[in-house]
Amino acid sequence: MEFMQALRQRWSNADSLVCVGLDPEPAKFPARFGSDPDAVFAFCRAIVDATAGHACAFKPQIAHFAALGAEDALTRLIAHIHAAHPGIPVILDAKRGDIGSTARHYAAEAFDRYAADAVTANPYLGRDSVQPFLDRADRGVVILCRTSNPGAADLQDLPVQAAGGTQRPLYQHVAETIARDWNGHGNCALVVGATWPEQLREVRAIVGDMPFLVPGVGAQGGDVEAVVRNARTADGTGLMVSSSRAILYASQGDDFADAAAAAAQALKEQVNRYR
């Protein structure tokens, strides 16, 4: 099933816009994993199984696995999601962006090695740097637009010349370019941070119904009501509201999986109140 089709079905079937981030940090795992040589996989699998009923997507962050030498755990985790929870898409959070053969290898890494349904990508090297991802029409390309971090304004807010001689922020130009020129297969989505609700509204007006991956709720302080009211589409969907730490580490006790499920459900219900 194509990524966009799977995502839309999941919005409907699970009645959820929550994307569960998978950012393993063994120091935060419950003590029971301390002697487990396969702790990264075991912990993440338990989180996945507990939260699947409340998730529209899962988003493993590649650096959290690679820094631990746990790439095999990542491969097995994505395979587990596909096998145990078919229909829930997996977004590999890698923020790739390069040129030529390197870009092609990054696409192969995400889609062939790890079998992800979508990948995050950085557009600032230009279209050719993401073309190998765009060419995979059945997979999603989730492109950075207005990110949630405080330093986003350093570059993303810089004024650029628009048609007619007016100026607008670079992130708006990025949004329009992707919607107008890069989305020929209809497989693009945008990363727009929850910490910037006004920018969410502006980007939504530019790109129409293109899906948004929205990080920054929870630990980063993004307001759920503001996110949904400013960025939902006319049918009350269009969003993957991402939460990682608040769900993964809701408890460090033996009830960690139940606590994660409760946190995911609470976020789902909070989002749904404003749809």
C-alpha atoms as a PDB file:
ATOM      1  CA  MET A   1       0.000   0.000   0.000  1.00  0.00           C
ATOM      2  CA  GLU A   2       1.311   3.472  -0.828  1.00  0.00           C
ATOM      3  CA  PHE A   3       2.327   5.691   2.084  1.00  0.00           C
ATOM      4  CA  MET A   4      -0.324   8.370   1.538  1.00  0.00           C
ATOM      5  CA  GLN A   5      -3.079   5.805   1.166  1.00  0.00           C
ATOM      6  CA  ALA A   6      -1.973   4.011   4.333  1.00  0.00           C
ATOM      7  CA  LEU A   7      -1.804   7.292   6.250  1.00  0.00           C
ATOM      8  CA  ARG A   8      -5.287   8.367   5.203  1.00  0.00           C
ATOM      9  CA  GLN A   9      -6.721   4.970   6.075  1.00  0.00           C
ATOM     10  CA  ARG A  10      -5.033   5.119   9.450  1.00  0.00           C
ATOM     11  CA  TRP A  11      -6.446   8.577  10.194  1.00  0.00           C
ATOM     12  CA  SER A  12      -9.882   7.105   9.585  1.00  0.00           C
ATOM     13  CA  ASN A  13      -9.575   3.615  11.040  1.00  0.00           C
ATOM     14  CA  ALA A  14      -7.728   4.589  14.222  1.00  0.00           C
ATOM     15  CA  ASP A  15      -9.431   8.000  14.551  1.00  0.00           C
ATOM     16  CA  SER A  16      -5.965   9.299  15.417  1.00  0.00           C
ATOM     17  CA  LEU A  17      -3.561  11.980  14.238  1.00  0.00           C
ATOM     18  CA  VAL A  18      -0.836  10.894  16.692  1.00  0.00           C
ATOM     19  CA  CYS A  19       2.580   9.876  15.402  1.00  0.00           C
ATOM     20  CA  VAL A  20       4.563   7.976  18.032  1.00  0.00           C
ATOM     21  CA  GLY A  21       8.256   8.830  17.912  1.00  0.00           C
ATOM     22  CA  LEU A  22      10.724   6.068  18.722  1.00  0.00           C
ATOM     23  CA  ASP A  23      13.870   7.678  20.166  1.00  0.00           C
ATOM     24  CA  PRO A  24      15.538   5.041  22.359  1.00  0.00           C
ATOM     25  CA  GLU A  25      17.772   6.256  25.193  1.00  0.00           C
ATOM     26  CA  PRO A  26      18.823   3.247  27.308  1.00  0.00           C
ATOM     27  CA  ALA A  27      19.580   5.435  30.341  1.00  0.00           C
ATOM     28  CA  LYS A  28      15.840   6.150  30.529  1.00  0.00           C
ATOM     29  CA  PHE A  29      14.711   2.522  30.131  1.00  0.00           C
ATOM     30  CA  PRO A  30      13.155   0.722  33.100  1.00  0.00           C
ATOM     31  CA  ALA A  31      15.627  -1.220  35.233  1.00  0.00           C
ATOM     32  CA  ARG A  32      14.330  -4.539  33.891  1.00  0.00           C
ATOM     33  CA  PHE A  33      16.177  -3.861  30.611  1.00  0.00           C
ATOM     34  CA  GLY A  34      19.528  -3.277  32.279  1.00  0.00           C
ATOM     35  CA  SER A  35      20.898  -6.755  31.604  1.00  0.00           C
ATOM     36  CA  ASP A  36      19.153  -7.331  28.266  1.00  0.00           C
ATOM     37  CA  PRO A  37      21.640  -7.306  25.371  1.00  0.00           C
ATOM     38  CA  ASP A  38      18.724  -6.640  23.009  1.00  0.00           C
ATOM     39  CA  ALA A  39      17.226  -3.903  25.169  1.00  0.00           C
ATOM     40  CA  VAL A  40      16.779  -1.326  22.387  1.00  0.00           C
ATOM     41  CA  PHE A  41      14.652  -3.648  20.291  1.00  0.00           C
ATOM     42  CA  ALA A  42      12.777  -5.117  23.251  1.00  0.00           C
ATOM     43  CA  PHE A  43      11.894  -1.721  24.721  1.00  0.00           C
ATOM     44  CA  CYS A  44      10.806  -0.212  21.400  1.00  0.00           C
ATOM     45  CA  ARG A  45       8.801  -3.295  20.462  1.00  0.00           C
ATOM     46  CA  ALA A  46       6.925  -3.098  23.755  1.00  0.00           C
ATOM     47  CA  ILE A  47       6.167   0.586  23.146  1.00  0.00           C
ATOM     48  CA  VAL A  48       4.966  -0.140  19.608  1.00  0.00           C
ATOM     49  CA  ASP A  49       2.695  -2.969  20.705  1.00  0.00           C
ATOM     50  CA  ALA A  50       1.243  -0.884  23.541  1.00  0.00           C
ATOM     51  CA  THR A  51       0.575   2.265  21.509  1.00  0.00           C
ATOM     52  CA  ALA A  52      -0.370   0.854  18.089  1.00  0.00           C
ATOM     53  CA  GLY A  53      -4.076   1.283  18.705  1.00  0.00           C
ATOM     54  CA  HIS A  54      -3.616   5.017  19.172  1.00  0.00           C
ATOM     55  CA  ALA A  55      -1.072   5.741  16.410  1.00  0.00           C
ATOM     56  CA  CYS A  56      -1.495   6.981  12.848  1.00  0.00           C
ATOM     57  CA  ALA A  57       2.235   6.385  12.257  1.00  0.00           C
ATOM     58  CA  PHE A  58       5.469   5.425  13.970  1.00  0.00           C
ATOM     59  CA  LYS A  59       8.623   7.522  13.584  1.00  0.00           C
ATOM     60  CA  PRO A  60      11.922   5.907  14.572  1.00  0.00           C
ATOM     61  CA  GLN A  61      14.780   8.424  14.765  1.00  0.00           C
ATOM     62  CA  ILE A  62      17.778   6.894  13.005  1.00  0.00           C
ATOM     63  CA  ALA A  63      20.462   8.694  15.039  1.00  0.00           C
ATOM     64  CA  HIS A  64      19.183   7.227  18.295  1.00  0.00           C
ATOM     65  CA  PHE A  65      19.714   3.744  16.890  1.00  0.00           C
ATOM     66  CA  ALA A  66      22.942   4.410  14.977  1.00  0.00           C
ATOM     67  CA  ALA A  67      24.670   6.052  17.946  1.00  0.00           C
ATOM     68  CA  LEU A  68      24.084   2.825  19.890  1.00  0.00           C
ATOM     69  CA  GLY A  69      25.236   0.590  17.050  1.00  0.00           C
ATOM     70  CA  ALA A  70      21.658  -0.675  16.972  1.00  0.00           C
ATOM     71  CA  GLU A  71      20.922  -0.549  13.251  1.00  0.00           C
ATOM     72  CA  ASP A  72      19.940  -4.216  13.320  1.00  0.00           C
ATOM     73  CA  ALA A  73      17.431  -3.439  16.062  1.00  0.00           C
ATOM     74  CA  LEU A  74      15.971  -0.715  13.841  1.00  0.00           C
ATOM     75  CA  THR A  75      15.644  -3.111  10.914  1.00  0.00           C
ATOM     76  CA  ARG A  76      13.900  -5.693  13.084  1.00  0.00           C
ATOM     77  CA  LEU A  77      11.687  -3.075  14.709  1.00  0.00           C
ATOM     78  CA  ILE A  78      10.357  -1.800  11.389  1.00  0.00           C
ATOM     79  CA  ALA A  79       9.816  -5.384  10.224  1.00  0.00           C
ATOM     80  CA  HIS A  80       7.900  -6.048  13.451  1.00  0.00           C
ATOM     81  CA  ILE A  81       5.654  -3.025  12.896  1.00  0.00           C
ATOM     82  CA  HIS A  82       4.838  -4.163   9.372  1.00  0.00           C
ATOM     83  CA  ALA A  83       4.156  -7.742  10.476  1.00  0.00           C
ATOM     84  CA  ALA A  84       2.304  -7.165  13.751  1.00  0.00           C
ATOM     85  CA  HIS A  85       0.545  -3.898  12.912  1.00  0.00           C
ATOM     86  CA  PRO A  86      -0.013  -3.860   9.155  1.00  0.00           C
ATOM     87  CA  GLY A  87      -1.357  -0.618   7.809  1.00  0.00           C
ATOM     88  CA  ILE A  88       0.488   1.646  10.258  1.00  0.00           C
ATOM     89  CA  PRO A  89       3.101   3.516   8.206  1.00  0.00           C
ATOM     90  CA  VAL A  90       6.674   3.946   9.409  1.00  0.00           C
ATOM     91  CA  ILE A  91       8.485   7.249   8.867  1.00  0.00           C
ATOM     92  CA  LEU A  92      12.266   6.993   9.158  1.00  0.00           C
ATOM     93  CA  ASP A  93      13.351  10.264  10.733  1.00  0.00           C
ATOM     94  CA  ALA A  94      16.722  10.751   9.036  1.00  0.00           C
ATOM     95  CA  LYS A  95      16.535  14.296   7.568  1.00  0.00           C
ATOM     96  CA  ARG A  96      18.670  13.225   4.617  1.00  0.00           C
ATOM     97  CA  GLY A  97      19.862  15.584   1.924  1.00  0.00           C
ATOM     98  CA  ASP A  98      22.799  15.193  -0.455  1.00  0.00           C
ATOM     99  CA  ILE A  99      23.562  15.002  -4.163  1.00  0.00           C
ATOM    100  CA  GLY A 100      24.247  12.448  -6.860  1.00  0.00           C
ATOM    101  CA  SER A 101      25.001   8.881  -5.886  1.00  0.00           C
ATOM    102  CA  THR A 102      24.928   9.751  -2.187  1.00  0.00           C
ATOM    103  CA  ALA A 103      21.302  10.848  -2.446  1.00  0.00           C
ATOM    104  CA  ARG A 104      20.463   7.617  -4.268  1.00  0.00           C
ATOM    105  CA  HIS A 105      22.129   5.590  -1.525  1.00  0.00           C
ATOM    106  CA  TYR A 106      20.222   7.495   1.157  1.00  0.00           C
ATOM    107  CA  ALA A 107      16.965   6.605  -0.614  1.00  0.00           C
ATOM    108  CA  ALA A 108      18.039   2.959  -0.833  1.00  0.00           C
ATOM    109  CA  GLU A 109      18.960   3.023   2.854  1.00  0.00           C
ATOM    110  CA  ALA A 110      15.544   4.290   3.919  1.00  0.00           C
ATOM    111  CA  PHE A 111      13.323   2.336   1.567  1.00  0.00           C
ATOM    112  CA  ASP A 112      15.269  -0.836   0.744  1.00  0.00           C
ATOM    113  CA  ARG A 113      17.523  -1.489   3.729  1.00  0.00           C
ATOM    114  CA  TYR A 114      15.082  -0.390   6.434  1.00  0.00           C
ATOM    115  CA  ALA A 115      11.819  -0.815   4.477  1.00  0.00           C
ATOM    116  CA  ALA A 116      10.437   2.477   5.781  1.00  0.00           C
ATOM    117  CA  ASP A 117       7.246   3.801   4.236  1.00  0.00           C
ATOM    118  CA  ALA A 118       8.489   7.388   4.334  1.00  0.00           C
ATOM    119  CA  VAL A 119      11.592   9.372   5.230  1.00  0.00           C
ATOM    120  CA  THR A 120      12.280  12.899   6.413  1.00  0.00           C
ATOM    121  CA  ALA A 121      14.454  14.953   4.060  1.00  0.00           C
ATOM    122  CA  ASN A 122      16.247  18.300   3.999  1.00  0.00           C
ATOM    123  CA  PRO A 123      15.465  20.467   0.939  1.00  0.00           C
ATOM    124  CA  TYR A 124      18.266  23.005   1.290  1.00  0.00           C
ATOM    125  CA  LEU A 125      20.555  21.387  -1.292  1.00  0.00           C
ATOM    126  CA  GLY A 126      17.804  21.750  -3.879  1.00  0.00           C
ATOM    127  CA  ARG A 127      15.532  19.417  -5.769  1.00  0.00           C
ATOM    128  CA  ASP A 128      18.218  17.074  -7.052  1.00  0.00           C
ATOM    129  CA  SER A 129      19.141  16.229  -3.460  1.00  0.00           C
ATOM    130  CA  VAL A 130      15.676  14.785  -2.798  1.00  0.00           C
ATOM    131  CA  GLN A 131      14.845  13.571  -6.304  1.00  0.00           C
ATOM    132  CA  PRO A 132      15.720   9.909  -5.554  1.00  0.00           C
ATOM    133  CA  PHE A 133      13.146  10.011  -2.734  1.00  0.00           C
ATOM    134  CA  LEU A 134      10.540  11.792  -4.852  1.00  0.00           C
ATOM    135  CA  ASP A 135      10.966   9.173  -7.577  1.00  0.00           C
ATOM    136  CA  ARG A 136       9.705   6.447  -5.246  1.00  0.00           C
ATOM    137  CA  ALA A 137       6.060   7.245  -5.845  1.00  0.00           C
ATOM    138  CA  ASP A 138       4.811   4.632  -3.384  1.00  0.00           C
ATOM    139  CA  ARG A 139       6.860   6.076  -0.508  1.00  0.00           C
ATOM    140  CA  GLY A 140       6.490   9.331   1.381  1.00  0.00           C
ATOM    141  CA  VAL A 141       8.960  12.218   1.456  1.00  0.00           C
ATOM    142  CA  VAL A 142       8.473  14.386   4.543  1.00  0.00           C
ATOM    143  CA  ILE A 143      10.399  17.580   3.850  1.00  0.00           C
ATOM    144  CA  LEU A 144      11.621  20.121   6.388  1.00  0.00           C
ATOM    145  CA  CYS A 145       9.773  23.426   6.049  1.00  0.00           C
ATOM    146  CA  ARG A 146       9.486  25.358   9.357  1.00  0.00           C
ATOM    147  CA  THR A 147      11.077  23.321  12.106  1.00  0.00           C
ATOM    148  CA  SER A 148      10.229  23.430  15.807  1.00  0.00           C
ATOM    149  CA  ASN A 149      13.638  24.383  17.246  1.00  0.00           C
ATOM    150  CA  PRO A 150      14.449  27.923  18.454  1.00  0.00           C
ATOM    151  CA  GLY A 151      17.201  28.330  15.850  1.00  0.00           C
ATOM    152  CA  ALA A 152      14.807  27.712  12.966  1.00  0.00           C
ATOM    153  CA  ALA A 153      14.488  31.465  12.416  1.00  0.00           C
ATOM    154  CA  ASP A 154      18.217  31.821  11.715  1.00  0.00           C
ATOM    155  CA  LEU A 155      17.700  30.723   8.114  1.00  0.00           C
ATOM    156  CA  GLN A 156      14.094  29.678   7.569  1.00  0.00           C
ATOM    157  CA  ASP A 157      12.707  33.162   8.261  1.00  0.00           C
ATOM    158  CA  LEU A 158      15.118  35.010   5.967  1.00  0.00           C
ATOM    159  CA  PRO A 159      13.219  37.140   3.413  1.00  0.00           C
ATOM    160  CA  VAL A 160      13.403  36.076  -0.217  1.00  0.00           C
ATOM    161  CA  GLN A 161      12.099  37.717  -3.364  1.00  0.00           C
ATOM    162  CA  ALA A 162       8.675  36.496  -4.474  1.00  0.00           C
ATOM    163  CA  ALA A 163       6.708  37.049  -7.678  1.00  0.00           C
ATOM    164  CA  GLY A 164       5.711  40.654  -8.170  1.00  0.00           C
ATOM    165  CA  GLY A 165       8.691  41.964  -6.232  1.00  0.00           C
ATOM    166  CA  THR A 166       7.288  41.250  -2.778  1.00  0.00           C
ATOM    167  CA  GLN A 167       9.275  39.491  -0.076  1.00  0.00           C
ATOM    168  CA  ARG A 168       8.304  36.556   2.103  1.00  0.00           C
ATOM    169  CA  PRO A 169      10.091  34.182   4.494  1.00  0.00           C
ATOM    170  CA  LEU A 170      12.160  31.401   2.981  1.00  0.00           C
ATOM    171  CA  TYR A 171      10.003  28.683   4.602  1.00  0.00           C
ATOM    172  CA  GLN A 172       6.984  29.954   2.668  1.00  0.00           C
ATOM    173  CA  HIS A 173       8.953  29.757  -0.577  1.00  0.00           C
ATOM    174  CA  VAL A 174       9.998  26.215   0.320  1.00  0.00           C
ATOM    175  CA  ALA A 175       6.375  25.242   0.989  1.00  0.00           C
ATOM    176  CA  GLU A 176       5.130  26.675  -2.294  1.00  0.00           C
ATOM    177  CA  THR A 177       7.972  25.157  -4.329  1.00  0.00           C
ATOM    178  CA  ILE A 178       7.348  21.687  -2.940  1.00  0.00           C
ATOM    179  CA  ALA A 179       3.581  21.911  -3.436  1.00  0.00           C
ATOM    180  CA  ARG A 180       3.842  23.361  -6.942  1.00  0.00           C
ATOM    181  CA  ASP A 181       6.913  21.688  -8.435  1.00  0.00           C
ATOM    182  CA  TRP A 182       8.126  18.705  -6.393  1.00  0.00           C
ATOM    183  CA  ASN A 183       4.912  16.874  -5.570  1.00  0.00           C
ATOM    184  CA  GLY A 184       4.222  15.339  -8.957  1.00  0.00           C
ATOM    185  CA  HIS A 185       3.591  11.911  -7.441  1.00  0.00           C
ATOM    186  CA  GLY A 186       1.535  13.291  -4.563  1.00  0.00           C
ATOM    187  CA  ASN A 187       3.944  11.724  -2.064  1.00  0.00           C
ATOM    188  CA  CYS A 188       5.233  14.843  -0.287  1.00  0.00           C
ATOM    189  CA  ALA A 189       4.498  16.009   3.244  1.00  0.00           C
ATOM    190  CA  LEU A 190       6.011  18.869   5.248  1.00  0.00           C
ATOM    191  CA  VAL A 191       7.608  19.191   8.674  1.00  0.00           C
ATOM    192  CA  VAL A 192       6.125  22.241  10.397  1.00  0.00           C
ATOM    193  CA  GLY A 193       6.730  22.666  14.109  1.00  0.00           C
ATOM    194  CA  ALA A 194       4.027  22.878  16.741  1.00  0.00           C
ATOM    195  CA  THR A 195       5.893  25.729  18.384  1.00  0.00           C
ATOM    196  CA  TRP A 196       4.933  28.087  15.531  1.00  0.00           C
ATOM    197  CA  PRO A 197       1.092  28.011  15.237  1.00  0.00           C
ATOM    198  CA  GLU A 198       0.904  31.133  13.064  1.00  0.00           C
ATOM    199  CA  GLN A 199       3.393  29.622  10.629  1.00  0.00           C
ATOM    200  CA  LEU A 200       1.346  26.434  10.575  1.00  0.00           C
ATOM    201  CA  ARG A 201      -1.659  28.473   9.454  1.00  0.00           C
ATOM    202  CA  GLU A 202       0.357  30.261   6.781  1.00  0.00           C
ATOM    203  CA  VAL A 203       1.850  27.070   5.353  1.00  0.00           C
ATOM    204  CA  ARG A 204      -1.534  25.335   5.324  1.00  0.00           C
ATOM    205  CA  ALA A 205      -2.930  28.198   3.260  1.00  0.00           C
ATOM    206  CA  ILE A 206      -0.082  27.795   0.763  1.00  0.00           C
ATOM    207  CA  VAL A 207      -0.087  24.007   0.281  1.00  0.00           C
ATOM    208  CA  GLY A 208      -3.732  22.985   0.649  1.00  0.00           C
ATOM    209  CA  ASP A 209      -4.283  19.448   1.904  1.00  0.00           C
ATOM    210  CA  MET A 210      -0.651  18.280   1.923  1.00  0.00           C
ATOM    211  CA  PRO A 211       0.018  16.340   5.164  1.00  0.00           C
ATOM    212  CA  PHE A 212       2.082  17.906   7.927  1.00  0.00           C
ATOM    213  CA  LEU A 213       4.361  16.123  10.365  1.00  0.00           C
ATOM    214  CA  VAL A 214       4.160  18.332  13.447  1.00  0.00           C
ATOM    215  CA  PRO A 215       6.857  17.858  16.092  1.00  0.00           C
ATOM    216  CA  GLY A 216       7.141  19.989  19.190  1.00  0.00           C
ATOM    217  CA  VAL A 217       4.119  19.141  21.352  1.00  0.00           C
ATOM    218  CA  GLY A 218       4.803  17.910  24.849  1.00  0.00           C
ATOM    219  CA  ALA A 219       8.440  18.389  25.880  1.00  0.00           C
ATOM    220  CA  GLN A 220       8.994  21.318  23.484  1.00  0.00           C
ATOM    221  CA  GLY A 221       5.890  23.147  24.629  1.00  0.00           C
ATOM    222  CA  GLY A 222       3.744  23.247  21.492  1.00  0.00           C
ATOM    223  CA  ASP A 223       0.050  23.866  22.145  1.00  0.00           C
ATOM    224  CA  VAL A 224      -2.174  21.094  20.822  1.00  0.00           C
ATOM    225  CA  GLU A 225      -5.271  23.240  20.370  1.00  0.00           C
ATOM    226  CA  ALA A 226      -3.333  25.865  18.413  1.00  0.00           C
ATOM    227  CA  VAL A 227      -1.762  23.186  16.209  1.00  0.00           C
ATOM    228  CA  VAL A 228      -5.052  21.550  15.294  1.00  0.00           C
ATOM    229  CA  ARG A 229      -7.019  24.732  14.795  1.00  0.00           C
ATOM    230  CA  ASN A 230      -4.343  26.273  12.577  1.00  0.00           C
ATOM    231  CA  ALA A 231      -3.233  23.256  10.578  1.00  0.00           C
ATOM    232  CA  ARG A 232      -6.014  20.711  10.192  1.00  0.00           C
ATOM    233  CA  THR A 233      -7.539  20.247   6.768  1.00  0.00           C
ATOM    234  CA  ALA A 234     -11.219  20.783   6.023  1.00  0.00           C
ATOM    235  CA  ASP A 235     -12.029  17.166   6.861  1.00  0.00           C
ATOM    236  CA  GLY A 236     -10.279  17.384  10.246  1.00  0.00           C
ATOM    237  CA  THR A 237      -7.187  15.409   9.243  1.00  0.00           C
ATOM    238  CA  GLY A 238      -3.956  16.366   7.450  1.00  0.00           C
ATOM    239  CA  LEU A 239      -1.731  16.074  10.522  1.00  0.00           C
ATOM    240  CA  MET A 240       0.737  13.689  12.126  1.00  0.00           C
ATOM    241  CA  VAL A 241       1.169  15.201  15.580  1.00  0.00           C
ATOM    242  CA  SER A 242       4.448  13.725  16.767  1.00  0.00           C
ATOM    243  CA  SER A 243       5.307  12.928  20.370  1.00  0.00           C
ATOM    244  CA  SER A 244       8.319  10.941  21.516  1.00  0.00           C
ATOM    245  CA  ARG A 245       9.619  11.474  25.039  1.00  0.00           C
ATOM    246  CA  ALA A 246       6.240  12.163  26.631  1.00  0.00           C
ATOM    247  CA  ILE A 247       5.025   8.766  25.428  1.00  0.00           C
ATOM    248  CA  LEU A 248       8.202   6.658  25.561  1.00  0.00           C
ATOM    249  CA  TYR A 249       9.187   7.641  29.063  1.00  0.00           C
ATOM    250  CA  ALA A 250       5.799   8.203  30.661  1.00  0.00           C
ATOM    251  CA  SER A 251       7.007   5.753  33.309  1.00  0.00           C
ATOM    252  CA  GLN A 252      10.351   4.150  34.103  1.00  0.00           C
ATOM    253  CA  GLY A 253       8.732   1.405  36.118  1.00  0.00           C
ATOM    254  CA  ASP A 254       7.439  -1.999  35.101  1.00  0.00           C
ATOM    255  CA  ASP A 255       4.224  -0.297  33.955  1.00  0.00           C
ATOM    256  CA  PHE A 256       6.138   1.614  31.245  1.00  0.00           C
ATOM    257  CA  ALA A 257       4.171   0.087  28.357  1.00  0.00           C
ATOM    258  CA  ASP A 258       0.790   0.737  29.962  1.00  0.00           C
ATOM    259  CA  ALA A 259       1.885   4.285  30.787  1.00  0.00           C
ATOM    260  CA  ALA A 260       2.988   4.839  27.186  1.00  0.00           C
ATOM    261  CA  ALA A 261      -0.363   3.583  25.918  1.00  0.00           C
ATOM    262  CA  ALA A 262      -2.187   5.912  28.304  1.00  0.00           C
ATOM    263  CA  ALA A 263      -0.057   8.875  27.190  1.00  0.00           C
ATOM    264  CA  ALA A 264      -0.677   8.126  23.506  1.00  0.00           C
ATOM    265  CA  GLN A 265      -4.394   7.741  24.117  1.00  0.00           C
ATOM    266  CA  ALA A 266      -4.519  10.995  26.084  1.00  0.00           C
ATOM    267  CA  LEU A 267      -2.793  12.877  23.260  1.00  0.00           C
ATOM    268  CA  LYS A 268      -5.114  11.306  20.696  1.00  0.00           C
ATOM    269  CA  GLU A 269      -8.160  12.388  22.681  1.00  0.00           C
ATOM    270  CA  GLN A 270      -6.741  15.866  23.226  1.00  0.00           C
ATOM    271  CA  VAL A 271      -6.103  16.298  19.493  1.00  0.00           C
ATOM    272  CA  ASN A 272      -9.550  14.949  18.615  1.00  0.00           C
ATOM    273  CA  ARG A 273     -11.283  17.495  20.842  1.00  0.00           C
ATOM    274  CA  TYR A 274     -10.250  20.243  18.442  1.00  0.00           C
ATOM    275  CA  ARG A 275     -10.705  18.495  15.084  1.00  0.00           C
END
